[in-house]
Amino acid sequence: MSMRTSRTSAWILALPLAAAAQALNVKPGAWEMTTTGAMMSKPMVERECITKADIAQLAAGPDKDDDEDCKYVKPPLVSGNTWSADKQCKNGRKVHAEFTAASPERVKGKVTSTDGKSALTMDVSGKWLGASCAGVR
């Protein structure tokens, strides 16, 4: 996995969970996130521990954004059970993400990255594994 893919993966994993602090009913704790896309030979499955503090920081949008290459265009938007965000990257790439919380323990979403010539879309689904993050990095 390249550094660029790793950064993208981290951002993707954080997106649906960031919405919890902005009114979506999503639980903190251990999550399993599965990402699929046309450019991936197989689904990427990662487990992440997301704390209440992580959620609060991520939900802050531009002021707390730690991605060096891409910045929020405006603060994330929450409408009902949907969270969306747009980022502009230094290399000209634009990223749009939209996630829906089907329940406090399930999220689904799509992340589309465009560079003006082509678009790459990744589908993401997440399930809450439990409140304890024991054994999850």
N, C-alpha and C. Protein backbone atom coordinates (compact mmCIF):
# COMPACT_ATOMS: atom_id res chain seq x y z
N MET A 1 0.85 -1.17 0.00
CA MET A 1 0.00 0.00 0.00
C MET A 1 0.90 1.23 0.00
N SER A 2 0.64 2.18 -0.88
CA SER A 2 1.45 3.38 -0.97
C SER A 2 1.10 4.36 0.14
N MET A 3 1.99 5.34 0.34
CA MET A 3 1.74 6.37 1.35
C MET A 3 0.47 7.12 1.00
N ARG A 4 0.26 7.40 -0.29
CA ARG A 4 -0.94 8.12 -0.71
C ARG A 4 -2.18 7.32 -0.40
N THR A 5 -2.15 6.00 -0.66
CA THR A 5 -3.28 5.14 -0.36
C THR A 5 -3.52 5.09 1.14
N SER A 6 -2.45 5.02 1.91
CA SER A 6 -2.58 4.97 3.35
C SER A 6 -3.23 6.24 3.89
N ARG A 7 -2.81 7.41 3.41
CA ARG A 7 -3.43 8.66 3.84
C ARG A 7 -4.89 8.71 3.44
N THR A 8 -5.17 8.28 2.22
CA THR A 8 -6.56 8.26 1.76
C THR A 8 -7.37 7.33 2.62
N SER A 9 -6.83 6.17 2.94
CA SER A 9 -7.53 5.20 3.77
C SER A 9 -7.84 5.78 5.14
N ALA A 10 -6.88 6.44 5.73
CA ALA A 10 -7.10 7.03 7.05
C ALA A 10 -8.22 8.06 7.00
N TRP A 11 -8.22 8.87 5.97
CA TRP A 11 -9.27 9.88 5.84
C TRP A 11 -10.62 9.22 5.63
N ILE A 12 -10.67 8.19 4.79
CA ILE A 12 -11.92 7.48 4.54
C ILE A 12 -12.45 6.87 5.81
N LEU A 13 -11.57 6.24 6.58
CA LEU A 13 -12.00 5.61 7.82
C LEU A 13 -12.55 6.62 8.81
N ALA A 14 -12.01 7.79 8.82
CA ALA A 14 -12.42 8.81 9.78
C ALA A 14 -13.72 9.49 9.39
N LEU A 15 -14.01 9.60 8.13
CA LEU A 15 -15.17 10.38 7.68
C LEU A 15 -16.50 10.00 8.31
N PRO A 16 -16.93 8.76 8.19
CA PRO A 16 -18.25 8.47 8.73
C PRO A 16 -18.32 8.61 10.23
N LEU A 17 -17.22 8.35 10.90
CA LEU A 17 -17.21 8.43 12.35
C LEU A 17 -17.17 9.87 12.82
N ALA A 18 -16.60 10.74 12.04
CA ALA A 18 -16.54 12.16 12.41
C ALA A 18 -17.93 12.75 12.52
N ALA A 19 -18.85 12.21 11.79
CA ALA A 19 -20.21 12.75 11.77
C ALA A 19 -20.92 12.62 13.10
N ALA A 20 -20.52 11.69 13.93
CA ALA A 20 -21.21 11.45 15.19
C ALA A 20 -21.28 12.71 16.06
N ALA A 21 -20.23 13.49 16.07
CA ALA A 21 -20.21 14.68 16.91
C ALA A 21 -21.08 15.78 16.35
N GLN A 22 -21.55 15.63 15.12
CA GLN A 22 -22.36 16.65 14.49
C GLN A 22 -23.82 16.24 14.37
N ALA A 23 -24.26 15.29 15.11
CA ALA A 23 -25.66 14.92 15.23
C ALA A 23 -26.00 13.55 14.70
N LEU A 24 -25.13 12.91 13.95
CA LEU A 24 -25.44 11.55 13.54
C LEU A 24 -25.26 10.63 14.74
N ASN A 25 -26.07 9.63 14.82
CA ASN A 25 -26.05 8.71 15.94
C ASN A 25 -25.13 7.54 15.62
N VAL A 26 -23.80 7.74 15.78
CA VAL A 26 -22.80 6.72 15.51
C VAL A 26 -21.99 6.52 16.79
N LYS A 27 -21.73 5.28 17.15
CA LYS A 27 -21.07 4.96 18.41
C LYS A 27 -19.54 5.03 18.31
N PRO A 28 -18.88 5.53 19.37
CA PRO A 28 -17.43 5.42 19.44
C PRO A 28 -17.05 3.99 19.84
N GLY A 29 -15.83 3.61 19.56
CA GLY A 29 -15.34 2.28 19.91
C GLY A 29 -14.60 1.65 18.75
N ALA A 30 -14.62 0.34 18.69
CA ALA A 30 -13.94 -0.39 17.63
C ALA A 30 -14.86 -0.51 16.41
N TRP A 31 -14.29 -0.18 15.25
CA TRP A 31 -15.03 -0.24 13.98
C TRP A 31 -14.25 -1.05 12.97
N GLU A 32 -14.97 -1.77 12.13
CA GLU A 32 -14.36 -2.45 10.99
C GLU A 32 -14.86 -1.76 9.73
N MET A 33 -13.93 -1.24 8.95
CA MET A 33 -14.26 -0.51 7.74
C MET A 33 -13.78 -1.31 6.53
N THR A 34 -14.66 -1.48 5.56
CA THR A 34 -14.34 -2.21 4.33
C THR A 34 -14.44 -1.25 3.17
N THR A 35 -13.36 -1.14 2.40
CA THR A 35 -13.30 -0.24 1.26
C THR A 35 -13.13 -1.06 -0.01
N THR A 36 -13.95 -0.78 -1.02
CA THR A 36 -13.83 -1.44 -2.32
C THR A 36 -13.80 -0.37 -3.40
N GLY A 37 -13.17 -0.71 -4.51
CA GLY A 37 -13.11 0.22 -5.63
C GLY A 37 -12.52 -0.47 -6.85
N ALA A 38 -12.72 0.13 -8.00
CA ALA A 38 -12.27 -0.45 -9.26
C ALA A 38 -10.76 -0.64 -9.31
N MET A 39 -10.01 0.22 -8.65
CA MET A 39 -8.55 0.13 -8.70
C MET A 39 -7.97 -0.79 -7.62
N MET A 40 -8.83 -1.45 -6.88
CA MET A 40 -8.38 -2.32 -5.80
C MET A 40 -8.56 -3.77 -6.21
N SER A 41 -7.52 -4.58 -6.04
CA SER A 41 -7.61 -5.99 -6.42
C SER A 41 -8.51 -6.78 -5.48
N LYS A 42 -8.59 -6.33 -4.23
CA LYS A 42 -9.48 -6.98 -3.27
C LYS A 42 -9.92 -5.93 -2.26
N PRO A 43 -11.02 -6.18 -1.55
CA PRO A 43 -11.48 -5.21 -0.55
C PRO A 43 -10.40 -4.98 0.52
N MET A 44 -10.31 -3.75 0.98
CA MET A 44 -9.40 -3.41 2.07
C MET A 44 -10.25 -3.37 3.35
N VAL A 45 -9.89 -4.20 4.31
CA VAL A 45 -10.61 -4.27 5.58
C VAL A 45 -9.65 -3.83 6.67
N GLU A 46 -10.06 -2.82 7.42
CA GLU A 46 -9.23 -2.31 8.51
C GLU A 46 -10.08 -2.12 9.74
N ARG A 47 -9.45 -2.36 10.88
CA ARG A 47 -10.11 -2.12 12.17
C ARG A 47 -9.48 -0.89 12.79
N GLU A 48 -10.32 -0.03 13.32
CA GLU A 48 -9.86 1.23 13.91
C GLU A 48 -10.56 1.43 15.25
N CYS A 49 -9.84 2.06 16.16
CA CYS A 49 -10.43 2.46 17.44
C CYS A 49 -10.71 3.95 17.36
N ILE A 50 -11.95 4.32 17.47
CA ILE A 50 -12.35 5.72 17.41
C ILE A 50 -12.94 6.11 18.76
N THR A 51 -12.28 7.04 19.43
CA THR A 51 -12.74 7.51 20.74
C THR A 51 -13.67 8.72 20.58
N LYS A 52 -14.32 9.09 21.66
CA LYS A 52 -15.15 10.30 21.63
C LYS A 52 -14.29 11.52 21.29
N ALA A 53 -13.06 11.56 21.82
CA ALA A 53 -12.15 12.68 21.53
C ALA A 53 -11.79 12.71 20.04
N ASP A 54 -11.55 11.55 19.45
CA ASP A 54 -11.26 11.48 18.01
C ASP A 54 -12.43 12.03 17.21
N ILE A 55 -13.61 11.63 17.59
CA ILE A 55 -14.82 12.07 16.88
C ILE A 55 -14.97 13.58 16.98
N ALA A 56 -14.78 14.12 18.16
CA ALA A 56 -14.91 15.56 18.34
C ALA A 56 -13.88 16.31 17.50
N GLN A 57 -12.64 15.82 17.48
CA GLN A 57 -11.59 16.48 16.71
C GLN A 57 -11.88 16.41 15.21
N LEU A 58 -12.25 15.25 14.72
CA LEU A 58 -12.53 15.09 13.30
C LEU A 58 -13.73 15.91 12.84
N ALA A 59 -14.72 16.02 13.69
CA ALA A 59 -15.93 16.75 13.32
C ALA A 59 -15.70 18.26 13.22
N ALA A 60 -14.58 18.74 13.77
CA ALA A 60 -14.31 20.17 13.75
C ALA A 60 -14.05 20.69 12.35
N GLY A 61 -13.75 19.80 11.42
CA GLY A 61 -13.55 20.22 10.04
C GLY A 61 -12.23 20.94 9.84
N PRO A 62 -12.24 22.08 9.17
CA PRO A 62 -11.00 22.74 8.75
C PRO A 62 -10.02 23.08 9.87
N ASP A 63 -10.48 23.45 11.02
CA ASP A 63 -9.57 23.88 12.08
C ASP A 63 -8.75 22.74 12.66
N LYS A 64 -9.24 21.53 12.60
CA LYS A 64 -8.56 20.39 13.21
C LYS A 64 -8.09 19.37 12.17
N ASP A 65 -8.18 19.71 10.93
CA ASP A 65 -7.82 18.80 9.85
C ASP A 65 -6.31 18.58 9.83
N ASP A 66 -5.86 17.32 9.96
CA ASP A 66 -4.43 17.05 10.00
C ASP A 66 -3.88 16.50 8.69
N ASP A 67 -4.66 16.47 7.64
CA ASP A 67 -4.19 16.01 6.34
C ASP A 67 -3.38 17.14 5.71
N GLU A 68 -2.10 16.92 5.49
CA GLU A 68 -1.23 17.96 4.97
C GLU A 68 -1.49 18.28 3.50
N ASP A 69 -1.93 17.28 2.74
CA ASP A 69 -2.09 17.46 1.30
C ASP A 69 -3.48 17.96 0.89
N CYS A 70 -4.48 17.69 1.69
CA CYS A 70 -5.86 18.05 1.33
C CYS A 70 -6.53 18.79 2.49
N LYS A 71 -7.28 19.82 2.17
CA LYS A 71 -7.97 20.61 3.19
C LYS A 71 -9.45 20.70 2.86
N TYR A 72 -10.27 20.79 3.89
CA TYR A 72 -11.70 20.96 3.68
C TYR A 72 -11.96 22.26 2.93
N VAL A 73 -12.89 22.22 1.99
CA VAL A 73 -13.32 23.41 1.26
C VAL A 73 -14.21 24.25 2.17
N LYS A 74 -15.02 23.57 2.97
CA LYS A 74 -15.90 24.19 3.96
C LYS A 74 -16.14 23.14 5.03
N PRO A 75 -16.69 23.50 6.16
CA PRO A 75 -16.95 22.50 7.20
C PRO A 75 -17.87 21.39 6.68
N PRO A 76 -17.71 20.18 7.22
CA PRO A 76 -18.59 19.08 6.84
C PRO A 76 -20.06 19.45 7.07
N LEU A 77 -20.94 18.86 6.29
CA LEU A 77 -22.37 19.14 6.37
C LEU A 77 -23.11 17.91 6.86
N VAL A 78 -23.99 18.10 7.82
CA VAL A 78 -24.83 17.01 8.31
C VAL A 78 -26.27 17.36 8.00
N SER A 79 -26.98 16.44 7.39
CA SER A 79 -28.40 16.61 7.10
C SER A 79 -29.09 15.28 7.38
N GLY A 80 -29.90 15.26 8.43
CA GLY A 80 -30.55 14.01 8.81
C GLY A 80 -29.50 13.00 9.24
N ASN A 81 -29.49 11.84 8.58
CA ASN A 81 -28.50 10.83 8.92
C ASN A 81 -27.38 10.76 7.89
N THR A 82 -27.19 11.85 7.13
CA THR A 82 -26.15 11.90 6.10
C THR A 82 -25.10 12.94 6.43
N TRP A 83 -23.84 12.58 6.21
CA TRP A 83 -22.69 13.47 6.43
C TRP A 83 -21.95 13.58 5.11
N SER A 84 -21.57 14.80 4.73
CA SER A 84 -20.81 14.97 3.50
C SER A 84 -19.72 16.01 3.70
N ALA A 85 -18.66 15.88 2.90
CA ALA A 85 -17.55 16.81 2.99
C ALA A 85 -16.84 16.87 1.64
N ASP A 86 -16.21 18.01 1.40
CA ASP A 86 -15.42 18.21 0.19
C ASP A 86 -14.04 18.70 0.59
N LYS A 87 -13.01 18.15 -0.07
CA LYS A 87 -11.64 18.58 0.16
C LYS A 87 -11.00 18.96 -1.17
N GLN A 88 -10.07 19.90 -1.09
CA GLN A 88 -9.24 20.31 -2.23
C GLN A 88 -7.82 19.96 -1.85
N CYS A 89 -7.10 19.30 -2.77
CA CYS A 89 -5.73 18.87 -2.48
C CYS A 89 -4.72 19.76 -3.20
N LYS A 90 -3.51 19.80 -2.67
CA LYS A 90 -2.45 20.63 -3.24
C LYS A 90 -2.16 20.28 -4.70
N ASN A 91 -2.32 19.00 -5.06
CA ASN A 91 -2.02 18.58 -6.43
C ASN A 91 -3.19 18.83 -7.39
N GLY A 92 -4.25 19.53 -6.94
CA GLY A 92 -5.39 19.83 -7.78
C GLY A 92 -6.53 18.84 -7.67
N ARG A 93 -6.28 17.73 -7.02
CA ARG A 93 -7.31 16.70 -6.85
C ARG A 93 -8.42 17.22 -5.93
N LYS A 94 -9.65 16.86 -6.25
CA LYS A 94 -10.80 17.19 -5.41
C LYS A 94 -11.40 15.89 -4.90
N VAL A 95 -11.83 15.90 -3.64
CA VAL A 95 -12.39 14.71 -3.02
C VAL A 95 -13.76 15.06 -2.44
N HIS A 96 -14.77 14.27 -2.81
CA HIS A 96 -16.11 14.43 -2.23
C HIS A 96 -16.45 13.12 -1.53
N ALA A 97 -16.92 13.23 -0.30
CA ALA A 97 -17.32 12.05 0.47
C ALA A 97 -18.71 12.26 1.02
N GLU A 98 -19.49 11.19 0.99
CA GLU A 98 -20.83 11.24 1.56
C GLU A 98 -21.11 9.90 2.23
N PHE A 99 -21.56 9.97 3.49
CA PHE A 99 -21.84 8.78 4.27
C PHE A 99 -23.22 8.87 4.91
N THR A 100 -23.84 7.72 5.06
CA THR A 100 -25.13 7.63 5.72
C THR A 100 -25.02 6.64 6.87
N ALA A 101 -25.54 7.04 8.01
CA ALA A 101 -25.60 6.15 9.17
C ALA A 101 -26.94 5.44 9.14
N ALA A 102 -26.92 4.18 8.75
CA ALA A 102 -28.15 3.40 8.71
C ALA A 102 -28.64 3.09 10.12
N SER A 103 -27.70 3.04 11.06
CA SER A 103 -27.98 2.82 12.48
C SER A 103 -26.76 3.30 13.24
N PRO A 104 -26.80 3.31 14.57
CA PRO A 104 -25.62 3.72 15.33
C PRO A 104 -24.42 2.78 15.13
N GLU A 105 -24.67 1.61 14.55
CA GLU A 105 -23.64 0.60 14.39
C GLU A 105 -23.29 0.29 12.93
N ARG A 106 -23.86 1.02 11.99
CA ARG A 106 -23.60 0.76 10.56
C ARG A 106 -23.53 2.07 9.79
N VAL A 107 -22.51 2.16 8.94
CA VAL A 107 -22.39 3.30 8.03
C VAL A 107 -22.06 2.79 6.64
N LYS A 108 -22.49 3.55 5.64
CA LYS A 108 -22.16 3.26 4.25
C LYS A 108 -21.85 4.58 3.58
N GLY A 109 -20.93 4.53 2.65
CA GLY A 109 -20.61 5.77 1.96
C GLY A 109 -19.83 5.57 0.70
N LYS A 110 -19.54 6.72 0.09
CA LYS A 110 -18.83 6.74 -1.17
C LYS A 110 -17.87 7.92 -1.14
N VAL A 111 -16.65 7.69 -1.61
CA VAL A 111 -15.65 8.73 -1.71
C VAL A 111 -15.22 8.79 -3.17
N THR A 112 -15.34 9.98 -3.76
CA THR A 112 -14.94 10.17 -5.15
C THR A 112 -13.82 11.19 -5.21
N SER A 113 -12.74 10.79 -5.88
CA SER A 113 -11.58 11.65 -6.05
C SER A 113 -11.43 11.95 -7.55
N THR A 114 -11.36 13.23 -7.89
CA THR A 114 -11.20 13.61 -9.30
C THR A 114 -9.99 14.52 -9.45
N ASP A 115 -9.31 14.35 -10.58
CA ASP A 115 -8.14 15.19 -10.85
C ASP A 115 -8.33 16.02 -12.11
N GLY A 116 -9.55 16.11 -12.60
CA GLY A 116 -9.84 16.86 -13.82
C GLY A 116 -9.82 15.99 -15.06
N LYS A 117 -9.11 14.88 -15.01
CA LYS A 117 -9.03 13.97 -16.15
C LYS A 117 -9.79 12.68 -15.90
N SER A 118 -9.76 12.21 -14.67
CA SER A 118 -10.42 10.96 -14.34
C SER A 118 -10.96 11.01 -12.92
N ALA A 119 -11.83 10.07 -12.63
CA ALA A 119 -12.42 9.99 -11.29
C ALA A 119 -12.21 8.58 -10.74
N LEU A 120 -11.96 8.51 -9.46
CA LEU A 120 -11.81 7.25 -8.76
C LEU A 120 -12.84 7.24 -7.65
N THR A 121 -13.67 6.19 -7.63
CA THR A 121 -14.71 6.08 -6.62
C THR A 121 -14.45 4.86 -5.75
N MET A 122 -14.57 5.05 -4.45
CA MET A 122 -14.44 3.96 -3.50
C MET A 122 -15.71 3.89 -2.66
N ASP A 123 -16.20 2.68 -2.49
CA ASP A 123 -17.35 2.44 -1.63
C ASP A 123 -16.84 1.97 -0.28
N VAL A 124 -17.44 2.49 0.78
CA VAL A 124 -16.99 2.17 2.12
C VAL A 124 -18.19 1.73 2.95
N SER A 125 -18.02 0.65 3.69
CA SER A 125 -19.05 0.25 4.64
C SER A 125 -18.37 -0.01 5.96
N GLY A 126 -19.06 0.34 7.02
CA GLY A 126 -18.47 0.17 8.34
C GLY A 126 -19.44 -0.45 9.30
N LYS A 127 -18.89 -1.26 10.19
CA LYS A 127 -19.73 -1.83 11.25
C LYS A 127 -19.01 -1.67 12.57
N TRP A 128 -19.79 -1.33 13.57
CA TRP A 128 -19.29 -1.14 14.92
C TRP A 128 -19.06 -2.51 15.52
N LEU A 129 -17.89 -2.73 16.11
CA LEU A 129 -17.56 -4.02 16.69
C LEU A 129 -17.82 -4.07 18.19
N GLY A 130 -17.83 -2.90 18.83
CA GLY A 130 -18.06 -2.86 20.26
C GLY A 130 -17.42 -1.64 20.88
N ALA A 131 -17.78 -1.37 22.12
CA ALA A 131 -17.28 -0.20 22.82
C ALA A 131 -15.81 -0.33 23.19
N SER A 132 -15.34 -1.55 23.41
CA SER A 132 -13.95 -1.77 23.80
C SER A 132 -13.06 -1.80 22.56
N CYS A 133 -11.94 -1.15 22.67
CA CYS A 133 -10.96 -1.14 21.59
C CYS A 133 -9.81 -2.11 21.85
N ALA A 134 -9.98 -2.99 22.83
CA ALA A 134 -8.93 -3.96 23.16
C ALA A 134 -8.57 -4.76 21.91
N GLY A 135 -7.30 -4.81 21.61
CA GLY A 135 -6.84 -5.58 20.47
C GLY A 135 -6.95 -4.86 19.13
N VAL A 136 -7.46 -3.62 19.14
CA VAL A 136 -7.60 -2.84 17.91
C VAL A 136 -6.61 -1.70 17.97
N ARG A 137 -5.86 -1.54 16.92
CA ARG A 137 -4.85 -0.46 16.91
C ARG A 137 -5.47 0.89 16.83
